[in-house]
C-alpha atoms as a PDB file:
ATOM      1  CA  MET A   1      14.367  61.340  28.477  1.00  0.00           C
ATOM      2  CA  PRO A   2      15.915  60.325  25.184  1.00  0.00           C
ATOM      3  CA  LYS A   3      17.827  62.863  23.192  1.00  0.00           C
ATOM      4  CA  TYR A   4      16.001  63.606  19.972  1.00  0.00           C
ATOM      5  CA  GLN A   5      18.265  64.491  17.039  1.00  0.00           C
ATOM      6  CA  THR A   6      16.624  66.917  14.686  1.00  0.00           C
ATOM      7  CA  LYS A   7      16.872  67.367  11.025  1.00  0.00           C
ATOM      8  CA  PRO A   8      15.876  70.095   8.741  1.00  0.00           C
ATOM      9  CA  PRO A   9      12.106  70.202   8.756  1.00  0.00           C
ATOM     10  CA  PRO A  10      10.516  68.779   5.651  1.00  0.00           C
ATOM     11  CA  GLY A  11       7.840  71.488   5.410  1.00  0.00           C
ATOM     12  CA  GLU A  12       4.348  71.614   6.607  1.00  0.00           C
ATOM     13  CA  PHE A  13       1.798  69.088   5.567  1.00  0.00           C
ATOM     14  CA  PRO A  14      -0.454  68.203   4.006  1.00  0.00           C
ATOM     15  CA  SER A  15      -0.660  69.354   0.461  1.00  0.00           C
ATOM     16  CA  ALA A  16      -3.935  67.621   1.099  1.00  0.00           C
ATOM     17  CA  LYS A  17      -5.298  66.880  -2.450  1.00  0.00           C
ATOM     18  CA  SER A  18      -8.187  64.617  -1.295  1.00  0.00           C
ATOM     19  CA  HIS A  19      -8.300  64.135   2.466  1.00  0.00           C
ATOM     20  CA  GLN A  20      -9.424  60.610   1.837  1.00  0.00           C
ATOM     21  CA  ILE A  21     -10.351  57.981   4.496  1.00  0.00           C
ATOM     22  CA  LEU A  22      -9.961  54.317   3.756  1.00  0.00           C
ATOM     23  CA  ILE A  23     -11.527  51.909   6.200  1.00  0.00           C
ATOM     24  CA  GLY A  24     -11.202  48.187   6.534  1.00  0.00           C
ATOM     25  CA  PRO A  25     -10.390  45.199   8.691  1.00  0.00           C
ATOM     26  CA  ALA A  26      -6.971  43.785   9.792  1.00  0.00           C
ATOM     27  CA  GLY A  27      -6.422  40.513   7.944  1.00  0.00           C
ATOM     28  CA  TRP A  28      -8.861  38.264   6.074  1.00  0.00           C
ATOM     29  CA  SER A  29      -7.915  34.608   6.773  1.00  0.00           C
ATOM     30  CA  TYR A  30      -9.917  33.638   9.905  1.00  0.00           C
ATOM     31  CA  PRO A  31     -11.797  30.384  10.029  1.00  0.00           C
ATOM     32  CA  ASP A  32     -14.308  31.938  12.394  1.00  0.00           C
ATOM     33  CA  TRP A  33     -15.427  34.318   9.578  1.00  0.00           C
ATOM     34  CA  ASN A  34     -16.937  31.344   7.535  1.00  0.00           C
ATOM     35  CA  GLY A  35     -20.655  31.679   7.435  1.00  0.00           C
ATOM     36  CA  ILE A  36     -20.496  35.035   9.269  1.00  0.00           C
ATOM     37  CA  VAL A  37     -18.539  37.303   6.939  1.00  0.00           C
ATOM     38  CA  TYR A  38     -17.939  34.878   4.071  1.00  0.00           C
ATOM     39  CA  PRO A  39     -20.588  32.604   2.579  1.00  0.00           C
ATOM     40  CA  LEU A  40     -20.598  29.015   3.669  1.00  0.00           C
ATOM     41  CA  ARG A  41     -20.847  27.851   0.026  1.00  0.00           C
ATOM     42  CA  ARG A  42     -18.149  29.670  -1.867  1.00  0.00           C
ATOM     43  CA  PRO A  43     -18.375  30.075  -5.642  1.00  0.00           C
ATOM     44  CA  ARG A  44     -15.564  28.960  -7.914  1.00  0.00           C
ATOM     45  CA  GLY A  45     -12.598  31.359  -7.806  1.00  0.00           C
ATOM     46  CA  PHE A  46     -13.659  32.849  -4.540  1.00  0.00           C
ATOM     47  CA  HIS A  47     -10.963  34.758  -2.687  1.00  0.00           C
ATOM     48  CA  GLU A  48     -11.337  36.563   0.654  1.00  0.00           C
ATOM     49  CA  ALA A  49      -9.543  39.714  -0.454  1.00  0.00           C
ATOM     50  CA  SER A  50     -11.506  40.054  -3.687  1.00  0.00           C
ATOM     51  CA  TYR A  51     -14.665  39.577  -1.503  1.00  0.00           C
ATOM     52  CA  LEU A  52     -13.762  42.227   1.076  1.00  0.00           C
ATOM     53  CA  ALA A  53     -12.553  44.681  -1.651  1.00  0.00           C
ATOM     54  CA  GLN A  54     -16.243  44.952  -2.638  1.00  0.00           C
ATOM     55  CA  TYR A  55     -17.096  46.441   0.704  1.00  0.00           C
ATOM     56  CA  PHE A  56     -13.826  48.227   1.873  1.00  0.00           C
ATOM     57  CA  ASP A  57     -11.019  50.306   0.294  1.00  0.00           C
ATOM     58  CA  THR A  58      -8.258  48.778   2.485  1.00  0.00           C
ATOM     59  CA  ILE A  59      -7.184  45.681   4.364  1.00  0.00           C
ATOM     60  CA  GLU A  60      -4.210  45.527   6.745  1.00  0.00           C
ATOM     61  CA  ILE A  61      -2.038  42.540   5.886  1.00  0.00           C
ATOM     62  CA  ASN A  62      -1.209  40.551   9.045  1.00  0.00           C
ATOM     63  CA  THR A  63       0.815  37.775   7.604  1.00  0.00           C
ATOM     64  CA  SER A  64       3.746  40.209   6.924  1.00  0.00           C
ATOM     65  CA  PHE A  65       4.278  40.527  10.707  1.00  0.00           C
ATOM     66  CA  TYR A  66       5.075  36.864  11.079  1.00  0.00           C
ATOM     67  CA  SER A  67       7.302  36.402   8.054  1.00  0.00           C
ATOM     68  CA  PRO A  68       8.327  38.386   4.969  1.00  0.00           C
ATOM     69  CA  LEU A  69       5.632  38.727   2.295  1.00  0.00           C
ATOM     70  CA  ASN A  70       5.916  36.121  -0.447  1.00  0.00           C
ATOM     71  CA  PRO A  71       6.306  38.098  -3.708  1.00  0.00           C
ATOM     72  CA  ASP A  72       4.130  35.667  -5.595  1.00  0.00           C
ATOM     73  CA  HIS A  73       1.366  36.019  -3.029  1.00  0.00           C
ATOM     74  CA  ALA A  74       1.772  39.810  -3.131  1.00  0.00           C
ATOM     75  CA  ARG A  75       1.382  39.773  -6.835  1.00  0.00           C
ATOM     76  CA  GLN A  76      -1.702  37.621  -6.615  1.00  0.00           C
ATOM     77  CA  TRP A  77      -3.310  39.893  -4.108  1.00  0.00           C
ATOM     78  CA  THR A  78      -2.851  42.937  -6.242  1.00  0.00           C
ATOM     79  CA  GLU A  79      -4.735  41.124  -9.058  1.00  0.00           C
ATOM     80  CA  ARG A  80      -7.513  40.063  -6.490  1.00  0.00           C
ATOM     81  CA  VAL A  81      -8.344  43.667  -5.695  1.00  0.00           C
ATOM     82  CA  ALA A  82      -8.097  45.054  -9.196  1.00  0.00           C
ATOM     83  CA  ALA A  83     -11.721  45.782  -9.468  1.00  0.00           C
ATOM     84  CA  ASN A  84     -11.530  48.411  -6.771  1.00  0.00           C
ATOM     85  CA  PRO A  85      -9.316  51.304  -8.037  1.00  0.00           C
ATOM     86  CA  ARG A  86      -9.303  53.012  -4.620  1.00  0.00           C
ATOM     87  CA  PHE A  87      -8.076  50.009  -2.747  1.00  0.00           C
ATOM     88  CA  ARG A  88      -4.711  50.062  -0.879  1.00  0.00           C
ATOM     89  CA  PHE A  89      -3.213  47.536   1.237  1.00  0.00           C
ATOM     90  CA  THR A  90      -1.360  48.389   4.416  1.00  0.00           C
ATOM     91  CA  ALA A  91       1.200  45.920   5.777  1.00  0.00           C
ATOM     92  CA  LYS A  92       2.738  45.297   9.119  1.00  0.00           C
ATOM     93  CA  LEU A  93       6.613  45.119   9.185  1.00  0.00           C
ATOM     94  CA  TRP A  94       8.085  41.738  10.089  1.00  0.00           C
ATOM     95  CA  GLN A  95       8.332  41.376  13.818  1.00  0.00           C
ATOM     96  CA  LYS A  96      12.062  40.534  13.540  1.00  0.00           C
ATOM     97  CA  PHE A  97      12.523  44.308  13.133  1.00  0.00           C
ATOM     98  CA  THR A  98      10.090  45.515  15.875  1.00  0.00           C
ATOM     99  CA  HIS A  99      10.076  42.777  18.479  1.00  0.00           C
ATOM    100  CA  GLU A 100      13.671  41.587  18.189  1.00  0.00           C
ATOM    101  CA  GLU A 101      17.032  43.245  17.494  1.00  0.00           C
ATOM    102  CA  GLN A 102      18.684  40.728  15.285  1.00  0.00           C
ATOM    103  CA  ALA A 103      17.385  41.911  11.863  1.00  0.00           C
ATOM    104  CA  THR A 104      20.104  42.057   9.246  1.00  0.00           C
ATOM    105  CA  ALA A 105      20.623  43.713   5.877  1.00  0.00           C
ATOM    106  CA  ALA A 106      19.768  40.348   4.195  1.00  0.00           C
ATOM    107  CA  ASP A 107      16.411  40.386   6.223  1.00  0.00           C
ATOM    108  CA  GLU A 108      15.606  43.850   4.955  1.00  0.00           C
ATOM    109  CA  ALA A 109      16.336  42.792   1.337  1.00  0.00           C
ATOM    110  CA  THR A 110      13.920  39.795   1.812  1.00  0.00           C
ATOM    111  CA  VAL A 111      11.178  42.048   3.296  1.00  0.00           C
ATOM    112  CA  ARG A 112      11.558  44.449   0.445  1.00  0.00           C
ATOM    113  CA  LEU A 113      10.761  41.791  -2.201  1.00  0.00           C
ATOM    114  CA  GLY A 114       7.078  41.506  -1.340  1.00  0.00           C
ATOM    115  CA  LEU A 115       6.539  45.111  -0.333  1.00  0.00           C
ATOM    116  CA  ASP A 116       7.992  46.287  -3.655  1.00  0.00           C
ATOM    117  CA  ILE A 117       5.403  44.154  -5.522  1.00  0.00           C
ATOM    118  CA  LEU A 118       2.621  45.980  -3.744  1.00  0.00           C
ATOM    119  CA  ARG A 119       4.301  49.362  -4.081  1.00  0.00           C
ATOM    120  CA  GLY A 120       5.033  48.799  -7.784  1.00  0.00           C
ATOM    121  CA  ALA A 121       1.350  48.009  -8.379  1.00  0.00           C
ATOM    122  CA  GLY A 122       0.296  51.165  -6.616  1.00  0.00           C
ATOM    123  CA  ARG A 123      -1.424  49.145  -3.913  1.00  0.00           C
ATOM    124  CA  LEU A 124       0.815  49.818  -0.877  1.00  0.00           C
ATOM    125  CA  GLY A 125      -0.825  52.570   1.326  1.00  0.00           C
ATOM    126  CA  ALA A 126       1.313  52.215   4.443  1.00  0.00           C
ATOM    127  CA  LEU A 127       3.948  50.099   6.197  1.00  0.00           C
ATOM    128  CA  LEU A 128       3.146  49.889   9.844  1.00  0.00           C
ATOM    129  CA  MET A 129       5.962  49.432  12.398  1.00  0.00           C
ATOM    130  CA  GLN A 130       4.084  47.894  15.432  1.00  0.00           C
ATOM    131  CA  PHE A 131       5.998  47.896  18.665  1.00  0.00           C
ATOM    132  CA  PRO A 132       4.850  45.960  21.767  1.00  0.00           C
ATOM    133  CA  PHE A 133       3.688  47.487  25.027  1.00  0.00           C
ATOM    134  CA  SER A 134       7.023  46.480  26.589  1.00  0.00           C
ATOM    135  CA  PHE A 135       8.863  48.845  24.134  1.00  0.00           C
ATOM    136  CA  HIS A 136       9.277  51.912  26.313  1.00  0.00           C
ATOM    137  CA  ASN A 137      10.656  55.332  25.479  1.00  0.00           C
ATOM    138  CA  THR A 138      14.423  54.995  26.134  1.00  0.00           C
ATOM    139  CA  PRO A 139      17.443  56.320  24.190  1.00  0.00           C
ATOM    140  CA  ARG A 140      18.149  52.807  22.924  1.00  0.00           C
ATOM    141  CA  ASN A 141      14.657  52.211  21.610  1.00  0.00           C
ATOM    142  CA  LEU A 142      14.463  55.623  20.097  1.00  0.00           C
ATOM    143  CA  ALA A 143      17.684  54.793  18.262  1.00  0.00           C
ATOM    144  CA  ARG A 144      16.118  51.556  17.074  1.00  0.00           C
ATOM    145  CA  ILE A 145      13.135  53.557  15.614  1.00  0.00           C
ATOM    146  CA  GLU A 146      15.418  56.094  13.978  1.00  0.00           C
ATOM    147  CA  LYS A 147      17.513  53.347  12.299  1.00  0.00           C
ATOM    148  CA  LEU A 148      14.308  51.782  10.898  1.00  0.00           C
ATOM    149  CA  LEU A 149      13.012  55.153   9.645  1.00  0.00           C
ATOM    150  CA  ASP A 150      16.311  55.800   7.950  1.00  0.00           C
ATOM    151  CA  SER A 151      16.659  52.315   6.370  1.00  0.00           C
ATOM    152  CA  LEU A 152      12.972  51.993   5.228  1.00  0.00           C
ATOM    153  CA  GLY A 153      12.240  55.720   4.685  1.00  0.00           C
ATOM    154  CA  ASP A 154      11.372  55.171   0.979  1.00  0.00           C
ATOM    155  CA  TYR A 155       8.101  53.491   2.076  1.00  0.00           C
ATOM    156  CA  PRO A 156       5.071  55.235   3.509  1.00  0.00           C
ATOM    157  CA  LEU A 157       5.888  54.545   7.260  1.00  0.00           C
ATOM    158  CA  VAL A 158       3.703  54.640  10.314  1.00  0.00           C
ATOM    159  CA  VAL A 159       4.878  53.921  13.863  1.00  0.00           C
ATOM    160  CA  GLU A 160       2.650  52.260  16.522  1.00  0.00           C
ATOM    161  CA  VAL A 161       3.774  52.523  20.167  1.00  0.00           C
ATOM    162  CA  ARG A 162       1.537  51.294  22.869  1.00  0.00           C
ATOM    163  CA  HIS A 163       3.244  52.628  26.093  1.00  0.00           C
ATOM    164  CA  SER A 164       2.431  56.015  27.214  1.00  0.00           C
ATOM    165  CA  SER A 165       6.126  56.975  27.750  1.00  0.00           C
ATOM    166  CA  TRP A 166       6.169  57.918  24.104  1.00  0.00           C
ATOM    167  CA  ALA A 167       3.323  60.438  24.444  1.00  0.00           C
ATOM    168  CA  HIS A 168       5.598  63.553  24.320  1.00  0.00           C
ATOM    169  CA  PRO A 169       5.698  66.469  21.876  1.00  0.00           C
ATOM    170  CA  GLU A 170       9.348  65.800  21.226  1.00  0.00           C
ATOM    171  CA  PHE A 171       8.594  62.378  19.949  1.00  0.00           C
ATOM    172  CA  TYR A 172       5.788  63.543  17.626  1.00  0.00           C
ATOM    173  CA  GLU A 173       8.136  66.174  16.256  1.00  0.00           C
ATOM    174  CA  PHE A 174      10.777  63.540  15.748  1.00  0.00           C
ATOM    175  CA  LEU A 175       8.350  61.563  13.552  1.00  0.00           C
ATOM    176  CA  HIS A 176       7.175  64.744  11.758  1.00  0.00           C
ATOM    177  CA  GLU A 177      10.764  65.626  10.832  1.00  0.00           C
ATOM    178  CA  ARG A 178      11.195  62.219   9.228  1.00  0.00           C
ATOM    179  CA  ARG A 179       7.754  62.281   7.604  1.00  0.00           C
ATOM    180  CA  ALA A 180       6.664  59.172   9.459  1.00  0.00           C
ATOM    181  CA  GLY A 181       3.039  58.761  10.649  1.00  0.00           C
ATOM    182  CA  ILE A 182       1.876  58.000  14.088  1.00  0.00           C
ATOM    183  CA  CYS A 183      -0.788  55.320  14.689  1.00  0.00           C
ATOM    184  CA  ASN A 184      -3.600  56.391  16.954  1.00  0.00           C
ATOM    185  CA  ILE A 185      -4.889  53.407  18.781  1.00  0.00           C
ATOM    186  CA  ASP A 186      -7.807  52.206  20.819  1.00  0.00           C
ATOM    187  CA  GLN A 187      -6.703  49.484  23.260  1.00  0.00           C
ATOM    188  CA  PRO A 188      -7.633  48.487  26.826  1.00  0.00           C
ATOM    189  CA  LEU A 189      -6.466  51.203  29.088  1.00  0.00           C
ATOM    190  CA  ILE A 190      -4.314  49.252  31.631  1.00  0.00           C
ATOM    191  CA  GLY A 191      -1.499  50.802  33.446  1.00  0.00           C
ATOM    192  CA  ARG A 192       0.508  53.070  31.283  1.00  0.00           C
ATOM    193  CA  SER A 193      -1.235  52.196  28.050  1.00  0.00           C
ATOM    194  CA  MET A 194      -1.351  54.782  25.317  1.00  0.00           C
ATOM    195  CA  GLY A 195      -4.760  56.449  25.247  1.00  0.00           C
ATOM    196  CA  PRO A 196      -6.906  57.496  22.301  1.00  0.00           C
ATOM    197  CA  ASP A 197      -5.656  60.470  20.342  1.00  0.00           C
ATOM    198  CA  GLU A 198      -6.085  62.314  17.057  1.00  0.00           C
ATOM    199  CA  ARG A 199      -2.346  62.948  16.080  1.00  0.00           C
ATOM    200  CA  ALA A 200      -0.938  63.329  12.643  1.00  0.00           C
ATOM    201  CA  THR A 201       2.788  63.643  12.111  1.00  0.00           C
ATOM    202  CA  SER A 202       2.900  63.119   8.284  1.00  0.00           C
ATOM    203  CA  PRO A 203       0.597  63.308   5.264  1.00  0.00           C
ATOM    204  CA  LEU A 204      -0.489  59.793   6.310  1.00  0.00           C
ATOM    205  CA  GLY A 205      -2.952  59.314   9.143  1.00  0.00           C
ATOM    206  CA  TYR A 206      -3.576  55.969  10.863  1.00  0.00           C
ATOM    207  CA  VAL A 207      -6.020  54.505  13.315  1.00  0.00           C
ATOM    208  CA  ARG A 208      -6.187  50.998  14.732  1.00  0.00           C
ATOM    209  CA  LEU A 209      -9.080  49.761  16.898  1.00  0.00           C
ATOM    210  CA  HIS A 210      -7.917  46.676  18.940  1.00  0.00           C
ATOM    211  CA  GLY A 211     -11.004  46.291  21.125  1.00  0.00           C
ATOM    212  CA  ARG A 212     -11.354  46.822  24.898  1.00  0.00           C
ATOM    213  CA  ARG A 213     -10.970  43.331  26.424  1.00  0.00           C
ATOM    214  CA  ALA A 214      -9.108  44.447  29.447  1.00  0.00           C
ATOM    215  CA  ASP A 215      -9.695  40.980  31.041  1.00  0.00           C
ATOM    216  CA  THR A 216      -7.802  39.156  28.300  1.00  0.00           C
ATOM    217  CA  TRP A 217      -5.293  41.755  26.796  1.00  0.00           C
ATOM    218  CA  PHE A 218      -2.365  40.808  28.924  1.00  0.00           C
ATOM    219  CA  SER A 219      -3.525  37.357  30.006  1.00  0.00           C
ATOM    220  CA  ASP A 220      -0.910  34.677  30.242  1.00  0.00           C
ATOM    221  CA  ASP A 221      -3.515  31.949  30.794  1.00  0.00           C
ATOM    222  CA  PRO A 222      -2.353  29.077  28.532  1.00  0.00           C
ATOM    223  CA  GLU A 223      -6.037  27.838  28.340  1.00  0.00           C
ATOM    224  CA  LEU A 224      -7.303  31.135  26.954  1.00  0.00           C
ATOM    225  CA  PRO A 225      -7.482  31.106  23.067  1.00  0.00           C
ATOM    226  CA  SER A 226      -5.507  34.037  21.590  1.00  0.00           C
ATOM    227  CA  HIS A 227      -8.498  35.306  19.646  1.00  0.00           C
ATOM    228  CA  GLN A 228     -10.285  36.222  22.886  1.00  0.00           C
ATOM    229  CA  ARG A 229      -8.037  39.323  23.050  1.00  0.00           C
ATOM    230  CA  TYR A 230      -9.886  40.557  19.934  1.00  0.00           C
ATOM    231  CA  ASN A 231     -13.388  39.302  20.810  1.00  0.00           C
ATOM    232  CA  TYR A 232     -14.974  42.681  21.251  1.00  0.00           C
ATOM    233  CA  LEU A 233     -17.681  44.540  19.524  1.00  0.00           C
ATOM    234  CA  TYR A 234     -17.701  48.414  19.799  1.00  0.00           C
ATOM    235  CA  SER A 235     -21.074  49.870  20.415  1.00  0.00           C
ATOM    236  CA  ARG A 236     -22.030  52.732  18.039  1.00  0.00           C
ATOM    237  CA  ARG A 237     -21.849  55.104  21.157  1.00  0.00           C
ATOM    238  CA  GLU A 238     -18.198  53.952  21.605  1.00  0.00           C
ATOM    239  CA  LEU A 239     -17.497  54.601  17.943  1.00  0.00           C
ATOM    240  CA  GLU A 240     -18.748  58.175  17.964  1.00  0.00           C
ATOM    241  CA  PRO A 241     -15.714  59.755  19.604  1.00  0.00           C
ATOM    242  CA  TRP A 242     -13.516  57.882  17.150  1.00  0.00           C
ATOM    243  CA  ALA A 243     -15.605  59.258  14.182  1.00  0.00           C
ATOM    244  CA  ARG A 244     -14.797  62.683  15.543  1.00  0.00           C
ATOM    245  CA  ARG A 245     -11.086  61.950  15.893  1.00  0.00           C
ATOM    246  CA  ILE A 246     -10.924  60.444  12.494  1.00  0.00           C
ATOM    247  CA  ARG A 247     -12.402  63.676  10.994  1.00  0.00           C
ATOM    248  CA  LEU A 248      -9.693  65.693  12.762  1.00  0.00           C
ATOM    249  CA  ILE A 249      -6.946  63.412  11.520  1.00  0.00           C
ATOM    250  CA  ARG A 250      -8.358  63.531   7.905  1.00  0.00           C
ATOM    251  CA  ASP A 251      -8.251  67.258   7.988  1.00  0.00           C
ATOM    252  CA  LYS A 252      -4.525  67.215   8.786  1.00  0.00           C
ATOM    253  CA  THR A 253      -3.511  64.559   6.265  1.00  0.00           C
ATOM    254  CA  GLU A 254      -3.886  63.373   2.625  1.00  0.00           C
ATOM    255  CA  THR A 255      -4.919  59.845   3.361  1.00  0.00           C
ATOM    256  CA  THR A 256      -6.108  58.320   6.582  1.00  0.00           C
ATOM    257  CA  PHE A 257      -6.319  54.546   7.153  1.00  0.00           C
ATOM    258  CA  VAL A 258      -8.715  53.226   9.737  1.00  0.00           C
ATOM    259  CA  ILE A 259      -8.236  49.580  10.682  1.00  0.00           C
ATOM    260  CA  ALA A 260     -10.435  47.456  12.829  1.00  0.00           C
ATOM    261  CA  ASN A 261      -8.480  44.726  14.482  1.00  0.00           C
ATOM    262  CA  ASN A 262     -11.208  43.295  16.735  1.00  0.00           C
ATOM    263  CA  HIS A 263     -11.491  40.431  14.319  1.00  0.00           C
ATOM    264  CA  PHE A 264     -13.101  37.554  16.209  1.00  0.00           C
ATOM    265  CA  GLU A 265     -16.239  36.359  14.365  1.00  0.00           C
ATOM    266  CA  GLY A 266     -16.339  39.346  12.008  1.00  0.00           C
ATOM    267  CA  LYS A 267     -16.746  42.071  14.628  1.00  0.00           C
ATOM    268  CA  ALA A 268     -14.120  44.117  12.932  1.00  0.00           C
ATOM    269  CA  VAL A 269     -16.090  44.065   9.712  1.00  0.00           C
ATOM    270  CA  VAL A 270     -19.263  45.223  11.582  1.00  0.00           C
ATOM    271  CA  ASN A 271     -17.507  48.122  13.242  1.00  0.00           C
ATOM    272  CA  ALA A 272     -15.742  49.058  10.010  1.00  0.00           C
ATOM    273  CA  LEU A 273     -18.965  49.268   8.151  1.00  0.00           C
ATOM    274  CA  GLU A 274     -20.504  51.340  11.061  1.00  0.00           C
ATOM    275  CA  LEU A 275     -17.712  53.789  10.965  1.00  0.00           C
ATOM    276  CA  MET A 276     -18.067  54.137   7.239  1.00  0.00           C
ATOM    277  CA  HIS A 277     -21.692  55.045   7.729  1.00  0.00           C
ATOM    278  CA  ALA A 278     -20.909  57.359  10.619  1.00  0.00           C
ATOM    279  CA  LEU A 279     -18.276  59.285   8.611  1.00  0.00           C
ATOM    280  CA  SER A 280     -20.126  59.527   5.335  1.00  0.00           C
ATOM    281  CA  GLY A 281     -23.732  59.613   6.400  1.00  0.00           C
ATOM    282  CA  ASN A 282     -24.476  57.248   3.514  1.00  0.00           C
ATOM    283  CA  LYS A 283     -25.869  53.741   3.647  1.00  0.00           C
ATOM    284  CA  VAL A 284     -23.203  50.999   3.032  1.00  0.00           C
ATOM    285  CA  LYS A 285     -22.982  47.712   1.221  1.00  0.00           C
ATOM    286  CA  VAL A 286     -23.197  44.876   3.739  1.00  0.00           C
ATOM    287  CA  PRO A 287     -22.118  41.295   3.200  1.00  0.00           C
ATOM    288  CA  GLU A 288     -25.161  39.080   3.116  1.00  0.00           C
ATOM    289  CA  PRO A 289     -24.054  36.512   5.799  1.00  0.00           C
ATOM    290  CA  LEU A 290     -22.990  39.338   8.236  1.00  0.00           C
ATOM    291  CA  ARG A 291     -26.353  41.059   8.139  1.00  0.00           C
ATOM    292  CA  HIS A 292     -27.993  37.784   9.385  1.00  0.00           C
ATOM    293  CA  ARG A 293     -25.506  37.407  12.326  1.00  0.00           C
ATOM    294  CA  PHE A 294     -25.736  41.198  13.128  1.00  0.00           C
ATOM    295  CA  PRO A 295     -29.308  42.315  12.138  1.00  0.00           C
ATOM    296  CA  SER A 296     -28.687  45.718  13.454  1.00  0.00           C
ATOM    297  CA  LEU A 297     -26.760  46.377  10.162  1.00  0.00           C
ATOM    298  CA  GLU A 298     -30.083  46.404   8.312  1.00  0.00           C
ATOM    299  CA  GLU A 299     -30.317  50.044   9.595  1.00  0.00           C
ATOM    300  CA  ILE A 300     -27.200  51.133   7.535  1.00  0.00           C
ATOM    301  CA  ALA A 301     -27.537  48.699   4.631  1.00  0.00           C
ATOM    302  CA  ASP A 302     -27.884  50.308   1.203  1.00  0.00           C
ATOM    303  CA  ALA A 303     -30.181  47.513  -0.158  1.00  0.00           C
ATOM    304  CA  PRO A 304     -32.640  45.111   1.236  1.00  0.00           C
ATOM    305  CA  SER A 305     -31.494  41.636   2.349  1.00  0.00           C
ATOM    306  CA  GLU A 306     -31.560  38.999  -0.319  1.00  0.00           C
ATOM    307  CA  GLU A 307     -32.988  36.733   2.424  1.00  0.00           C
ATOM    308  CA  PRO A 308     -34.983  38.930   4.795  1.00  0.00           C
ATOM    309  CA  THR A 309     -34.552  38.314   8.518  1.00  0.00           C
ATOM    310  CA  LEU A 310     -37.720  37.067  10.024  1.00  0.00           C
ATOM    311  CA  PHE A 311     -37.233  38.829  13.415  1.00  0.00           C
ATOM    312  CA  PRO A 312     -35.116  41.919  12.840  1.00  0.00           C
ATOM    313  CA  LEU A 313     -33.400  43.346  15.944  1.00  0.00           C
ATOM    314  CA  SER A 314     -32.843  46.875  16.930  1.00  0.00           C
ATOM    315  CA  SER A 315     -29.235  48.112  17.218  1.00  0.00           C
ATOM    316  CA  ASP A 316     -29.432  47.817  20.961  1.00  0.00           C
ATOM    317  CA  ASP A 317     -30.261  44.147  20.626  1.00  0.00           C
ATOM    318  CA  ALA A 318     -27.355  43.178  18.375  1.00  0.00           C
ATOM    319  CA  PRO A 319     -25.005  40.500  19.521  1.00  0.00           C
ATOM    320  CA  GLY A 320     -22.173  41.913  21.857  1.00  0.00           C
ATOM    321  CA  ARG A 321     -23.896  45.340  22.279  1.00  0.00           C
END
């Protein structure tokens, strides 16, 4: 068991001014969303982030995992979501810090350039440190997390670990003492995978829904498209326990981010909208193309379709249910 070095406790949380929940998808640049989430004919000046900010109050930035954010792009994105004052991006930390061990001070300086644009505009809600399933709870790995929390501690940090060796009270206290959030995840439960939870270790709550494709999650089949890992639509019955967990996390935090990562063919957008409805009890605004692909959304839509579906389906008949 790793040795957890403690620091003076930062005080209880939250001061909880609002207990707000911000829900949205992971990423926005998917060719398979064309004609499903986005209109096939895009008007002049169309941008995916602007479009999604009409429906959601957050999007998790995926590109920052593969390379540092381009500051010019970050600046443009803040302008794209300006019409939604509640909107906050979350961003994934560059994988060089979480999946490798060669990150340098120069790498950190480069990462900060884009993140600081978002933070300076008041649009950075969280910086997610996503570690792989192979990242087990060992003294060496704990030291890696501690180093990152120390060096990037001026950002609103959240840690995602996927192996159940981390599921110990000492680790949660370790994060709490450093005011770092823990990411509660839904993933295929294979072997020692981390199971669903409703933990909060800082004023920042975080939930990620990855889907439950156990048959593809760890597949090494070179013929299998990578998007099949995320080709999963949660049923509303499967979302109900998460709605309860999210309410519990909300009550312990100031802001809770809920990110749907089951992105293939817009399924993340469907489930994000369904969670918004389940948590608020209110009808929600639904993208017009999406309601035709998933007619069950008519039940929770706040306005009639601009192009009524000829043969509306019940929620039990929706694709992927």
